Amino acid sequence: MRAEGGEKKQVTEYFYGYKAHMSLNTAAELITSVVVTAGNVPDGRVCARLLDKDVGQELPVRIVSGDRAYNDSHNRFLLWSRG
């Protein structure tokens, strides 16, 4: 962002609150697992916990999708290693 004089101005944004990360069964249209995090926790760090919760309930996990925040090398390796 630039101030009126043309010099650069740093803008800091804060997020207060919580986020709910969910996995669901699309055929049944039911939420199968929920992980709640602080608002400042990156979304991608929650993928493994959601998968573990579904597998722990002996739910079949065939397709995994998420928004861009879940698309990182750690999660791609996690999914590749689990088949």
PDB file of N, CA and C in Angstrom:
ATOM      1  N   MET A   1       0.844  -1.162   0.000  1.00  0.00           N
ATOM      2  CA  MET A   1       0.000   0.000   0.000  1.00  0.00           C
ATOM      3  C   MET A   1       0.890   1.226   0.000  1.00  0.00           C
ATOM      4  N   ARG A   2       0.451   2.262  -0.656  1.00  0.00           N
ATOM      5  CA  ARG A   2       1.237   3.497  -0.708  1.00  0.00           C
ATOM      6  C   ARG A   2       0.488   4.630  -0.020  1.00  0.00           C
ATOM      7  N   ALA A   3       1.213   5.403   0.761  1.00  0.00           N
ATOM      8  CA  ALA A   3       0.650   6.582   1.410  1.00  0.00           C
ATOM      9  C   ALA A   3       0.523   7.693   0.380  1.00  0.00           C
ATOM     10  N   GLU A   4      -0.100   8.806   0.750  1.00  0.00           N
ATOM     11  CA  GLU A   4      -0.308   9.905  -0.194  1.00  0.00           C
ATOM     12  C   GLU A   4       0.985  10.428  -0.773  1.00  0.00           C
ATOM     13  N   GLY A   5       2.060  10.447  -0.020  1.00  0.00           N
ATOM     14  CA  GLY A   5       3.339  10.948  -0.492  1.00  0.00           C
ATOM     15  C   GLY A   5       4.062   9.995  -1.425  1.00  0.00           C
ATOM     16  N   GLY A   6       3.543   8.809  -1.640  1.00  0.00           N
ATOM     17  CA  GLY A   6       4.143   7.835  -2.538  1.00  0.00           C
ATOM     18  C   GLY A   6       5.016   6.800  -1.847  1.00  0.00           C
ATOM     19  N   GLU A   7       5.342   7.010  -0.569  1.00  0.00           N
ATOM     20  CA  GLU A   7       6.178   6.033   0.124  1.00  0.00           C
ATOM     21  C   GLU A   7       5.349   4.802   0.468  1.00  0.00           C
ATOM     22  N   LYS A   8       6.045   3.661   0.533  1.00  0.00           N
ATOM     23  CA  LYS A   8       5.365   2.407   0.858  1.00  0.00           C
ATOM     24  C   LYS A   8       4.972   2.396   2.324  1.00  0.00           C
ATOM     25  N   LYS A   9       3.805   1.826   2.570  1.00  0.00           N
ATOM     26  CA  LYS A   9       3.295   1.729   3.923  1.00  0.00           C
ATOM     27  C   LYS A   9       2.932   0.280   4.175  1.00  0.00           C
ATOM     28  N   GLN A  10       3.446  -0.297   5.243  1.00  0.00           N
ATOM     29  CA  GLN A  10       3.149  -1.685   5.570  1.00  0.00           C
ATOM     30  C   GLN A  10       1.812  -1.768   6.291  1.00  0.00           C
ATOM     31  N   VAL A  11       0.987  -2.716   5.838  1.00  0.00           N
ATOM     32  CA  VAL A  11      -0.320  -2.923   6.454  1.00  0.00           C
ATOM     33  C   VAL A  11      -0.327  -4.302   7.092  1.00  0.00           C
ATOM     34  N   THR A  12      -0.685  -4.368   8.355  1.00  0.00           N
ATOM     35  CA  THR A  12      -0.763  -5.632   9.068  1.00  0.00           C
ATOM     36  C   THR A  12      -2.234  -5.963   9.287  1.00  0.00           C
ATOM     37  N   GLU A  13      -2.607  -7.184   8.902  1.00  0.00           N
ATOM     38  CA  GLU A  13      -3.980  -7.618   9.116  1.00  0.00           C
ATOM     39  C   GLU A  13      -4.004  -8.675  10.212  1.00  0.00           C
ATOM     40  N   TYR A  14      -5.006  -8.611  11.050  1.00  0.00           N
ATOM     41  CA  TYR A  14      -5.155  -9.563  12.137  1.00  0.00           C
ATOM     42  C   TYR A  14      -6.463 -10.326  11.960  1.00  0.00           C
ATOM     43  N   PHE A  15      -6.445 -11.572  12.393  1.00  0.00           N
ATOM     44  CA  PHE A  15      -7.654 -12.385  12.355  1.00  0.00           C
ATOM     45  C   PHE A  15      -7.887 -12.898  13.759  1.00  0.00           C
ATOM     46  N   TYR A  16      -8.996 -12.527  14.330  1.00  0.00           N
ATOM     47  CA  TYR A  16      -9.347 -12.987  15.668  1.00  0.00           C
ATOM     48  C   TYR A  16     -10.462 -14.005  15.553  1.00  0.00           C
ATOM     49  N   GLY A  17     -10.377 -15.052  16.314  1.00  0.00           N
ATOM     50  CA  GLY A  17     -11.447 -16.026  16.307  1.00  0.00           C
ATOM     51  C   GLY A  17     -10.953 -17.422  16.021  1.00  0.00           C
ATOM     52  N   TYR A  18     -11.864 -18.230  15.527  1.00  0.00           N
ATOM     53  CA  TYR A  18     -11.600 -19.641  15.301  1.00  0.00           C
ATOM     54  C   TYR A  18     -12.060 -20.053  13.911  1.00  0.00           C
ATOM     55  N   LYS A  19     -11.531 -21.180  13.451  1.00  0.00           N
ATOM     56  CA  LYS A  19     -11.956 -21.753  12.177  1.00  0.00           C
ATOM     57  C   LYS A  19     -12.353 -23.204  12.420  1.00  0.00           C
ATOM     58  N   ALA A  20     -13.381 -23.639  11.729  1.00  0.00           N
ATOM     59  CA  ALA A  20     -13.811 -25.029  11.799  1.00  0.00           C
ATOM     60  C   ALA A  20     -13.442 -25.692  10.475  1.00  0.00           C
ATOM     61  N   HIS A  21     -12.657 -26.755  10.540  1.00  0.00           N
ATOM     62  CA  HIS A  21     -12.259 -27.540   9.371  1.00  0.00           C
ATOM     63  C   HIS A  21     -13.078 -28.820   9.412  1.00  0.00           C
ATOM     64  N   MET A  22     -13.678 -29.174   8.295  1.00  0.00           N
ATOM     65  CA  MET A  22     -14.583 -30.326   8.295  1.00  0.00           C
ATOM     66  C   MET A  22     -14.297 -31.264   7.141  1.00  0.00           C
ATOM     67  N   SER A  23     -14.545 -32.547   7.386  1.00  0.00           N
ATOM     68  CA  SER A  23     -14.591 -33.520   6.303  1.00  0.00           C
ATOM     69  C   SER A  23     -16.019 -34.032   6.251  1.00  0.00           C
ATOM     70  N   LEU A  24     -16.425 -34.462   5.068  1.00  0.00           N
ATOM     71  CA  LEU A  24     -17.799 -34.898   4.933  1.00  0.00           C
ATOM     72  C   LEU A  24     -17.934 -36.026   3.938  1.00  0.00           C
ATOM     73  N   ASN A  25     -19.032 -36.726   4.085  1.00  0.00           N
ATOM     74  CA  ASN A  25     -19.397 -37.787   3.152  1.00  0.00           C
ATOM     75  C   ASN A  25     -20.389 -37.166   2.191  1.00  0.00           C
ATOM     76  N   THR A  26     -19.985 -36.988   0.941  1.00  0.00           N
ATOM     77  CA  THR A  26     -20.845 -36.295  -0.010  1.00  0.00           C
ATOM     78  C   THR A  26     -22.073 -37.103  -0.389  1.00  0.00           C
ATOM     79  N   ALA A  27     -21.953 -38.430  -0.414  1.00  0.00           N
ATOM     80  CA  ALA A  27     -23.110 -39.251  -0.783  1.00  0.00           C
ATOM     81  C   ALA A  27     -24.217 -39.126   0.263  1.00  0.00           C
ATOM     82  N   ALA A  28     -23.842 -39.150   1.534  1.00  0.00           N
ATOM     83  CA  ALA A  28     -24.821 -39.056   2.617  1.00  0.00           C
ATOM     84  C   ALA A  28     -25.091 -37.608   3.032  1.00  0.00           C
ATOM     85  N   GLU A  29     -24.262 -36.690   2.542  1.00  0.00           N
ATOM     86  CA  GLU A  29     -24.345 -35.272   2.897  1.00  0.00           C
ATOM     87  C   GLU A  29     -24.250 -35.061   4.408  1.00  0.00           C
ATOM     88  N   LEU A  30     -23.304 -35.782   5.028  1.00  0.00           N
ATOM     89  CA  LEU A  30     -23.085 -35.695   6.469  1.00  0.00           C
ATOM     90  C   LEU A  30     -21.656 -35.271   6.777  1.00  0.00           C
ATOM     91  N   ILE A  31     -21.496 -34.441   7.790  1.00  0.00           N
ATOM     92  CA  ILE A  31     -20.166 -34.086   8.276  1.00  0.00           C
ATOM     93  C   ILE A  31     -19.645 -35.277   9.070  1.00  0.00           C
ATOM     94  N   THR A  32     -18.423 -35.727   8.754  1.00  0.00           N
ATOM     95  CA  THR A  32     -17.865 -36.901   9.423  1.00  0.00           C
ATOM     96  C   THR A  32     -16.824 -36.553  10.478  1.00  0.00           C
ATOM     97  N   SER A  33     -16.109 -35.443  10.312  1.00  0.00           N
ATOM     98  CA  SER A  33     -15.091 -35.035  11.288  1.00  0.00           C
ATOM     99  C   SER A  33     -14.992 -33.524  11.321  1.00  0.00           C
ATOM    100  N   VAL A  34     -14.650 -32.996  12.489  1.00  0.00           N
ATOM    101  CA  VAL A  34     -14.474 -31.557  12.664  1.00  0.00           C
ATOM    102  C   VAL A  34     -13.221 -31.319  13.491  1.00  0.00           C
ATOM    103  N   VAL A  35     -12.400 -30.361  13.063  1.00  0.00           N
ATOM    104  CA  VAL A  35     -11.247 -29.911  13.835  1.00  0.00           C
ATOM    105  C   VAL A  35     -11.369 -28.399  13.940  1.00  0.00           C
ATOM    106  N   VAL A  36     -11.345 -27.872  15.161  1.00  0.00           N
ATOM    107  CA  VAL A  36     -11.429 -26.432  15.383  1.00  0.00           C
ATOM    108  C   VAL A  36     -10.038 -25.924  15.718  1.00  0.00           C
ATOM    109  N   THR A  37      -9.634 -24.843  15.053  1.00  0.00           N
ATOM    110  CA  THR A  37      -8.313 -24.255  15.295  1.00  0.00           C
ATOM    111  C   THR A  37      -8.469 -22.759  15.564  1.00  0.00           C
ATOM    112  N   ALA A  38      -7.412 -22.179  16.107  1.00  0.00           N
ATOM    113  CA  ALA A  38      -7.368 -20.727  16.235  1.00  0.00           C
ATOM    114  C   ALA A  38      -7.351 -20.118  14.828  1.00  0.00           C
ATOM    115  N   GLY A  39      -7.799 -18.915  14.713  1.00  0.00           N
ATOM    116  CA  GLY A  39      -7.881 -18.271  13.414  1.00  0.00           C
ATOM    117  C   GLY A  39      -6.555 -18.080  12.711  1.00  0.00           C
ATOM    118  N   ASN A  40      -5.450 -18.072  13.448  1.00  0.00           N
ATOM    119  CA  ASN A  40      -4.146 -17.843  12.831  1.00  0.00           C
ATOM    120  C   ASN A  40      -3.430 -19.124  12.417  1.00  0.00           C
ATOM    121  N   VAL A  41      -4.040 -20.282  12.580  1.00  0.00           N
ATOM    122  CA  VAL A  41      -3.418 -21.548  12.187  1.00  0.00           C
ATOM    123  C   VAL A  41      -3.642 -21.771  10.698  1.00  0.00           C
ATOM    124  N   PRO A  42      -2.569 -22.044   9.931  1.00  0.00           N
ATOM    125  CA  PRO A  42      -2.744 -22.301   8.503  1.00  0.00           C
ATOM    126  C   PRO A  42      -3.628 -23.532   8.249  1.00  0.00           C
ATOM    127  N   ASP A  43      -4.521 -23.430   7.277  1.00  0.00           N
ATOM    128  CA  ASP A  43      -5.471 -24.507   6.992  1.00  0.00           C
ATOM    129  C   ASP A  43      -4.794 -25.827   6.663  1.00  0.00           C
ATOM    130  N   GLY A  44      -3.718 -25.790   5.910  1.00  0.00           N
ATOM    131  CA  GLY A  44      -3.061 -27.004   5.450  1.00  0.00           C
ATOM    132  C   GLY A  44      -2.569 -27.915   6.556  1.00  0.00           C
ATOM    133  N   ARG A  45      -2.323 -27.375   7.718  1.00  0.00           N
ATOM    134  CA  ARG A  45      -1.807 -28.189   8.836  1.00  0.00           C
ATOM    135  C   ARG A  45      -2.864 -29.122   9.424  1.00  0.00           C
ATOM    136  N   VAL A  46      -4.107 -29.002   9.004  1.00  0.00           N
ATOM    137  CA  VAL A  46      -5.199 -29.757   9.606  1.00  0.00           C
ATOM    138  C   VAL A  46      -5.559 -31.000   8.798  1.00  0.00           C
ATOM    139  N   CYS A  47      -5.075 -31.105   7.594  1.00  0.00           N
ATOM    140  CA  CYS A  47      -5.443 -32.199   6.695  1.00  0.00           C
ATOM    141  C   CYS A  47      -5.212 -33.575   7.325  1.00  0.00           C
ATOM    142  N   ALA A  48      -4.053 -33.808   7.862  1.00  0.00           N
ATOM    143  CA  ALA A  48      -3.729 -35.120   8.439  1.00  0.00           C
ATOM    144  C   ALA A  48      -4.657 -35.452   9.605  1.00  0.00           C
ATOM    145  N   ARG A  49      -4.986 -34.467  10.429  1.00  0.00           N
ATOM    146  CA  ARG A  49      -5.873 -34.719  11.570  1.00  0.00           C
ATOM    147  C   ARG A  49      -7.275 -35.108  11.108  1.00  0.00           C
ATOM    148  N   LEU A  50      -7.765 -34.450  10.057  1.00  0.00           N
ATOM    149  CA  LEU A  50      -9.084 -34.813   9.532  1.00  0.00           C
ATOM    150  C   LEU A  50      -9.076 -36.227   8.967  1.00  0.00           C
ATOM    151  N   LEU A  51      -8.026 -36.550   8.199  1.00  0.00           N
ATOM    152  CA  LEU A  51      -7.932 -37.905   7.644  1.00  0.00           C
ATOM    153  C   LEU A  51      -7.844 -38.949   8.747  1.00  0.00           C
ATOM    154  N   ASP A  52      -7.029 -38.696   9.756  1.00  0.00           N
ATOM    155  CA  ASP A  52      -6.883 -39.642  10.865  1.00  0.00           C
ATOM    156  C   ASP A  52      -8.200 -39.856  11.603  1.00  0.00           C
ATOM    157  N   LYS A  53      -8.984 -38.790  11.768  1.00  0.00           N
ATOM    158  CA  LYS A  53     -10.277 -38.932  12.450  1.00  0.00           C
ATOM    159  C   LYS A  53     -11.222 -39.812  11.633  1.00  0.00           C
ATOM    160  N   ASP A  54     -11.258 -39.601  10.314  1.00  0.00           N
ATOM    161  CA  ASP A  54     -12.138 -40.423   9.469  1.00  0.00           C
ATOM    162  C   ASP A  54     -11.683 -41.873   9.439  1.00  0.00           C
ATOM    163  N   VAL A  55     -10.394 -42.102   9.311  1.00  0.00           N
ATOM    164  CA  VAL A  55      -9.863 -43.472   9.290  1.00  0.00           C
ATOM    165  C   VAL A  55     -10.096 -44.138  10.643  1.00  0.00           C
ATOM    166  N   GLY A  56      -9.954 -43.378  11.726  1.00  0.00           N
ATOM    167  CA  GLY A  56     -10.202 -43.907  13.069  1.00  0.00           C
ATOM    168  C   GLY A  56     -11.645 -44.342  13.282  1.00  0.00           C
ATOM    169  N   GLN A  57     -12.553 -43.761  12.521  1.00  0.00           N
ATOM    170  CA  GLN A  57     -13.970 -44.153  12.582  1.00  0.00           C
ATOM    171  C   GLN A  57     -14.288 -45.240  11.561  1.00  0.00           C
ATOM    172  N   GLU A  58     -13.251 -45.737  10.912  1.00  0.00           N
ATOM    173  CA  GLU A  58     -13.371 -46.769   9.880  1.00  0.00           C
ATOM    174  C   GLU A  58     -14.247 -46.319   8.717  1.00  0.00           C
ATOM    175  N   LEU A  59     -14.139 -45.032   8.389  1.00  0.00           N
ATOM    176  CA  LEU A  59     -14.863 -44.495   7.246  1.00  0.00           C
ATOM    177  C   LEU A  59     -14.004 -44.632   5.988  1.00  0.00           C
ATOM    178  N   PRO A  60     -14.594 -44.963   4.861  1.00  0.00           N
ATOM    179  CA  PRO A  60     -13.811 -45.051   3.632  1.00  0.00           C
ATOM    180  C   PRO A  60     -13.429 -43.655   3.150  1.00  0.00           C
ATOM    181  N   VAL A  61     -12.159 -43.469   2.841  1.00  0.00           N
ATOM    182  CA  VAL A  61     -11.682 -42.188   2.306  1.00  0.00           C
ATOM    183  C   VAL A  61     -11.162 -42.465   0.907  1.00  0.00           C
ATOM    184  N   ARG A  62     -11.938 -42.095  -0.091  1.00  0.00           N
ATOM    185  CA  ARG A  62     -11.569 -42.372  -1.480  1.00  0.00           C
ATOM    186  C   ARG A  62     -11.145 -41.119  -2.223  1.00  0.00           C
ATOM    187  N   ILE A  63     -11.803 -40.014  -1.942  1.00  0.00           N
ATOM    188  CA  ILE A  63     -11.521 -38.749  -2.626  1.00  0.00           C
ATOM    189  C   ILE A  63     -11.259 -37.688  -1.566  1.00  0.00           C
ATOM    190  N   VAL A  64     -10.197 -36.933  -1.769  1.00  0.00           N
ATOM    191  CA  VAL A  64      -9.867 -35.836  -0.860  1.00  0.00           C
ATOM    192  C   VAL A  64      -9.799 -34.566  -1.692  1.00  0.00           C
ATOM    193  N   SER A  65     -10.520 -33.553  -1.265  1.00  0.00           N
ATOM    194  CA  SER A  65     -10.449 -32.263  -1.953  1.00  0.00           C
ATOM    195  C   SER A  65     -10.455 -31.155  -0.914  1.00  0.00           C
ATOM    196  N   GLY A  66      -9.925 -30.036  -1.284  1.00  0.00           N
ATOM    197  CA  GLY A  66      -9.878 -28.886  -0.392  1.00  0.00           C
ATOM    198  C   GLY A  66      -9.536 -27.657  -1.193  1.00  0.00           C
ATOM    199  N   ASP A  67      -9.594 -26.516  -0.549  1.00  0.00           N
ATOM    200  CA  ASP A  67      -9.238 -25.306  -1.273  1.00  0.00           C
ATOM    201  C   ASP A  67      -7.716 -25.165  -1.334  1.00  0.00           C
ATOM    202  N   ARG A  68      -7.269 -24.102  -1.929  1.00  0.00           N
ATOM    203  CA  ARG A  68      -5.838 -23.904  -2.189  1.00  0.00           C
ATOM    204  C   ARG A  68      -4.977 -23.919  -0.915  1.00  0.00           C
ATOM    205  N   ALA A  69      -5.563 -23.565   0.199  1.00  0.00           N
ATOM    206  CA  ALA A  69      -4.802 -23.528   1.452  1.00  0.00           C
ATOM    207  C   ALA A  69      -4.312 -24.914   1.879  1.00  0.00           C
ATOM    208  N   TYR A  70      -4.962 -25.973   1.399  1.00  0.00           N
ATOM    209  CA  TYR A  70      -4.560 -27.338   1.733  1.00  0.00           C
ATOM    210  C   TYR A  70      -3.553 -27.903   0.723  1.00  0.00           C
ATOM    211  N   ASN A  71      -3.295 -27.186  -0.343  1.00  0.00           N
ATOM    212  CA  ASN A  71      -2.440 -27.672  -1.425  1.00  0.00           C
ATOM    213  C   ASN A  71      -0.977 -27.317  -1.147  1.00  0.00           C
ATOM    214  N   ASP A  72      -0.301 -28.175  -0.405  1.00  0.00           N
ATOM    215  CA  ASP A  72       1.132 -27.982  -0.178  1.00  0.00           C
ATOM    216  C   ASP A  72       1.844 -29.330  -0.309  1.00  0.00           C
ATOM    217  N   SER A  73       3.153 -29.296  -0.344  1.00  0.00           N
ATOM    218  CA  SER A  73       3.923 -30.520  -0.580  1.00  0.00           C
ATOM    219  C   SER A  73       3.741 -31.527   0.551  1.00  0.00           C
ATOM    220  N   HIS A  74       3.587 -31.053   1.774  1.00  0.00           N
ATOM    221  CA  HIS A  74       3.397 -31.972   2.905  1.00  0.00           C
ATOM    222  C   HIS A  74       2.103 -32.772   2.721  1.00  0.00           C
ATOM    223  N   ASN A  75       1.013 -32.098   2.399  1.00  0.00           N
ATOM    224  CA  ASN A  75      -0.263 -32.791   2.225  1.00  0.00           C
ATOM    225  C   ASN A  75      -0.264 -33.679   0.989  1.00  0.00           C
ATOM    226  N   ARG A  76       0.363 -33.240  -0.089  1.00  0.00           N
ATOM    227  CA  ARG A  76       0.454 -34.111  -1.282  1.00  0.00           C
ATOM    228  C   ARG A  76       1.236 -35.369  -0.965  1.00  0.00           C
ATOM    229  N   PHE A  77       2.338 -35.258  -0.232  1.00  0.00           N
ATOM    230  CA  PHE A  77       3.100 -36.444   0.163  1.00  0.00           C
ATOM    231  C   PHE A  77       2.284 -37.327   1.087  1.00  0.00           C
ATOM    232  N   LEU A  78       1.578 -36.736   2.024  1.00  0.00           N
ATOM    233  CA  LEU A  78       0.722 -37.491   2.943  1.00  0.00           C
ATOM    234  C   LEU A  78      -0.293 -38.336   2.166  1.00  0.00           C
ATOM    235  N   LEU A  79      -0.960 -37.720   1.212  1.00  0.00           N
ATOM    236  CA  LEU A  79      -1.970 -38.447   0.419  1.00  0.00           C
ATOM    237  C   LEU A  79      -1.312 -39.509  -0.457  1.00  0.00           C
ATOM    238  N   TRP A  80      -0.172 -39.185  -1.044  1.00  0.00           N
ATOM    239  CA  TRP A  80       0.537 -40.158  -1.885  1.00  0.00           C
ATOM    240  C   TRP A  80       0.968 -41.360  -1.061  1.00  0.00           C
ATOM    241  N   SER A  81       1.492 -41.112   0.154  1.00  0.00           N
ATOM    242  CA  SER A  81       2.008 -42.212   0.989  1.00  0.00           C
ATOM    243  C   SER A  81       0.890 -43.106   1.510  1.00  0.00           C
ATOM    244  N   ARG A  82      -0.307 -42.568   1.629  1.00  0.00           N
ATOM    245  CA  ARG A  82      -1.442 -43.372   2.101  1.00  0.00           C
ATOM    246  C   ARG A  82      -2.199 -44.061   0.962  1.00  0.00           C
ATOM    247  N   GLY A  83      -1.784 -43.771  -0.246  1.00  0.00           N
ATOM    248  CA  GLY A  83      -2.395 -44.430  -1.402  1.00  0.00           C
ATOM    249  C   GLY A  83      -3.636 -43.745  -1.818  1.00  0.00           C
TER     250      GLY A  83
END
